[in-house]
Amino acid sequence: MQVPVFPPDEALRVQTLRELLILDTPLELRFDNLTHAAVAFFRVQIAIVSLIDADRQWFKSACGLDMKETPRDISFCGHAILQDEVFVVEDALLDERFFDNPLVTGRPRIRFYAGAPLKASNGLNLGTLCLIDPSPRKLQGFEIEMLSDMARLVVQELERPEPGAEAVG
């Protein structure tokens, strides 16, 4: 397993994430609706809104998975935030970065992974909307576009004030 690589703006990225005050908050239907829609549309077993903190990936919503977080050093999403395009691993067993990853060799037995970065309004990638399946697969061009579009919806929800919160001013 490779040592994680961090974006050059890592300190600002983590600060931006923490300023959203979203980490370790309860489940919210507005995010769960998006992960449920992703599972149905892409026909995968798992869809996650994953936020990459300093040393963990924390799941704001996870459809098809009962974990709330995993260490960042074994995360696929930690790789996905290093680029602006959708990051796809068609078969993790054939990928030298992931073949021995505990998330591949053990539960949830990841074979296919696709993660669209969650790009904040300041341009920093805070996490991903990701798809996971225990079977290898490929994404069509329109599916990559749809995953990117859905990730933008997640960001709109992340940056929107909590429903019912009053503006202070």
Protein backbone atom coordinates (compact mmCIF):
# COMPACT_ATOMS: atom_id res chain seq x y z
CA MET A 1 0.00 0.00 0.00
CA GLN A 2 1.30 3.45 -0.91
CA VAL A 3 1.85 6.28 1.53
CA PRO A 4 -0.90 8.91 1.12
CA VAL A 5 -0.08 12.01 -0.89
CA PHE A 6 -1.52 15.31 0.26
CA PRO A 7 -2.59 18.28 -1.84
CA PRO A 8 -0.19 21.27 -1.69
CA ASP A 9 -2.94 23.34 -0.04
CA GLU A 10 -3.75 20.70 2.60
CA ALA A 11 -3.85 23.03 5.63
CA LEU A 12 -6.28 25.43 3.93
CA ARG A 13 -8.33 22.50 2.58
CA VAL A 14 -8.79 21.04 6.08
CA GLN A 15 -9.53 24.49 7.52
CA THR A 16 -12.19 25.05 4.84
CA LEU A 17 -13.77 21.68 5.61
CA ARG A 18 -13.84 22.34 9.35
CA GLU A 19 -15.32 25.82 8.90
CA LEU A 20 -18.38 24.21 7.32
CA LEU A 21 -19.14 22.70 10.77
CA ILE A 22 -20.38 19.52 9.06
CA LEU A 23 -17.98 16.93 10.49
CA ASP A 24 -19.51 14.57 13.05
CA THR A 25 -23.02 15.95 12.54
CA PRO A 26 -26.12 13.70 12.45
CA LEU A 27 -27.49 12.14 9.28
CA GLU A 28 -29.48 14.49 7.06
CA LEU A 29 -32.09 13.58 4.49
CA ARG A 30 -30.71 16.13 1.99
CA PHE A 31 -27.49 14.09 1.71
CA ASP A 32 -29.08 10.67 2.12
CA ASN A 33 -31.40 11.42 -0.81
CA LEU A 34 -28.36 11.98 -3.03
CA THR A 35 -26.57 8.78 -2.03
CA HIS A 36 -29.76 6.74 -2.43
CA ALA A 37 -30.27 8.26 -5.90
CA ALA A 38 -26.65 7.45 -6.81
CA VAL A 39 -27.02 3.79 -5.79
CA ALA A 40 -30.18 3.49 -7.89
CA PHE A 41 -28.93 5.40 -10.95
CA PHE A 42 -25.46 3.81 -11.15
CA ARG A 43 -26.63 0.37 -9.98
CA VAL A 44 -23.87 0.02 -7.40
CA GLN A 45 -24.08 -1.38 -3.89
CA ILE A 46 -22.61 1.66 -2.12
CA ALA A 47 -22.61 5.44 -2.54
CA ILE A 48 -20.97 7.76 -0.01
CA VAL A 49 -20.59 11.46 0.68
CA SER A 50 -17.06 11.26 2.06
CA LEU A 51 -15.28 14.22 3.65
CA ILE A 52 -11.50 13.99 3.96
CA ASP A 53 -10.30 15.32 7.31
CA ALA A 54 -6.66 15.47 8.39
CA ASP A 55 -6.37 11.79 9.34
CA ARG A 56 -9.70 10.18 8.45
CA GLN A 57 -12.43 10.09 5.87
CA TRP A 58 -15.77 10.73 7.52
CA PHE A 59 -19.05 9.78 5.88
CA LYS A 60 -21.81 12.38 5.98
CA SER A 61 -24.02 9.89 4.14
CA ALA A 62 -23.42 6.26 3.24
CA CYS A 63 -26.03 4.23 1.39
CA GLY A 64 -25.24 0.52 1.49
CA LEU A 65 -22.49 0.75 4.11
CA ASP A 66 -22.76 0.91 7.90
CA MET A 67 -19.34 2.48 8.59
CA LYS A 68 -19.11 6.15 9.64
CA GLU A 69 -15.41 6.66 8.87
CA THR A 70 -12.16 4.98 7.93
CA PRO A 71 -8.52 6.01 8.31
CA ARG A 72 -7.43 8.40 5.58
CA ASP A 73 -4.31 6.37 4.82
CA ILE A 74 -6.38 3.51 3.38
CA SER A 75 -8.99 5.68 1.66
CA PHE A 76 -9.61 5.71 -2.06
CA CYS A 77 -11.16 9.17 -1.66
CA GLY A 78 -7.83 10.53 -0.41
CA HIS A 79 -6.51 9.82 -3.91
CA ALA A 80 -9.59 11.25 -5.60
CA ILE A 81 -9.22 14.70 -4.01
CA LEU A 82 -5.80 15.08 -5.64
CA GLN A 83 -7.43 15.77 -9.00
CA ASP A 84 -10.41 17.68 -10.34
CA GLU A 85 -11.76 14.92 -12.58
CA VAL A 86 -13.67 11.82 -11.53
CA PHE A 87 -11.20 9.26 -10.19
CA VAL A 88 -12.04 5.73 -11.36
CA VAL A 89 -10.58 2.37 -10.34
CA GLU A 90 -12.22 -0.26 -12.54
CA ASP A 91 -10.76 -3.24 -10.63
CA ALA A 92 -8.94 -2.56 -7.37
CA LEU A 93 -7.38 -6.05 -7.38
CA LEU A 94 -5.51 -5.10 -10.56
CA ASP A 95 -4.39 -1.67 -9.32
CA GLU A 96 -0.98 -1.58 -7.64
CA ARG A 97 -2.14 1.26 -5.35
CA PHE A 98 -5.04 -0.74 -3.91
CA PHE A 99 -4.73 -4.52 -4.45
CA ASP A 100 -3.60 -5.09 -0.83
CA ASN A 101 -5.77 -2.37 0.75
CA PRO A 102 -7.82 -3.68 3.71
CA LEU A 103 -10.97 -2.21 2.12
CA VAL A 104 -10.28 -4.44 -0.90
CA THR A 105 -9.09 -7.59 0.87
CA GLY A 106 -11.72 -7.25 3.62
CA ARG A 107 -15.07 -5.57 4.14
CA PRO A 108 -16.55 -3.94 2.02
CA ARG A 109 -14.47 -5.80 -0.65
CA ILE A 110 -14.07 -2.88 -3.03
CA ARG A 111 -13.40 -3.82 -6.64
CA PHE A 112 -14.91 -0.82 -8.41
CA TYR A 113 -14.53 2.75 -7.16
CA ALA A 114 -15.44 6.08 -8.75
CA GLY A 115 -15.14 9.34 -6.82
CA ALA A 116 -16.11 12.82 -7.97
CA PRO A 117 -14.32 15.52 -5.97
CA LEU A 118 -16.45 17.85 -3.87
CA LYS A 119 -14.98 21.20 -4.94
CA ALA A 120 -15.74 24.02 -2.51
CA SER A 121 -16.42 27.55 -3.77
CA ASN A 122 -12.78 28.43 -2.98
CA GLY A 123 -11.64 25.69 -5.40
CA LEU A 124 -10.44 23.16 -2.82
CA ASN A 125 -11.52 19.50 -2.90
CA LEU A 126 -13.09 18.65 0.46
CA GLY A 127 -14.08 15.06 -0.23
CA THR A 128 -15.99 13.02 -2.77
CA LEU A 129 -19.29 11.64 -3.83
CA CYS A 130 -18.14 8.10 -4.48
CA LEU A 131 -19.53 4.89 -5.87
CA ILE A 132 -18.33 1.46 -4.71
CA ASP A 133 -19.17 -2.02 -5.90
CA PRO A 134 -17.77 -5.52 -5.21
CA SER A 135 -17.64 -6.24 -8.96
CA PRO A 136 -15.26 -4.64 -11.46
CA ARG A 137 -16.89 -2.30 -13.96
CA LYS A 138 -16.43 0.66 -16.28
CA LEU A 139 -18.30 3.93 -16.41
CA GLN A 140 -19.68 5.38 -19.62
CA GLY A 141 -19.03 9.04 -20.42
CA PHE A 142 -22.57 10.09 -19.51
CA GLU A 143 -22.20 8.32 -16.14
CA ILE A 144 -19.01 10.27 -15.37
CA GLU A 145 -20.85 13.48 -16.23
CA MET A 146 -23.80 12.50 -14.02
CA LEU A 147 -21.51 11.69 -11.08
CA SER A 148 -19.83 15.11 -11.47
CA ASP A 149 -23.23 16.80 -11.61
CA MET A 150 -24.37 14.98 -8.48
CA ALA A 151 -21.14 15.98 -6.69
CA ARG A 152 -21.94 19.63 -7.46
CA LEU A 153 -25.35 19.13 -5.82
CA VAL A 154 -23.61 17.75 -2.72
CA VAL A 155 -21.37 20.85 -2.59
CA GLN A 156 -24.42 23.12 -2.85
CA GLU A 157 -25.85 21.34 0.18
CA LEU A 158 -22.55 21.47 2.08
CA GLU A 159 -22.16 25.21 1.55
CA ARG A 160 -25.82 26.04 2.15
CA PRO A 161 -26.75 27.03 5.68
CA GLU A 162 -28.38 24.25 7.66
CA PRO A 163 -32.12 24.15 6.91
CA GLY A 164 -33.99 26.34 9.36
CA ALA A 165 -30.89 28.30 10.38
CA GLU A 166 -31.57 32.04 10.53
CA ALA A 167 -29.19 34.47 8.91
CA VAL A 168 -27.36 36.56 11.50
CA GLY A 169 -26.63 40.11 10.60
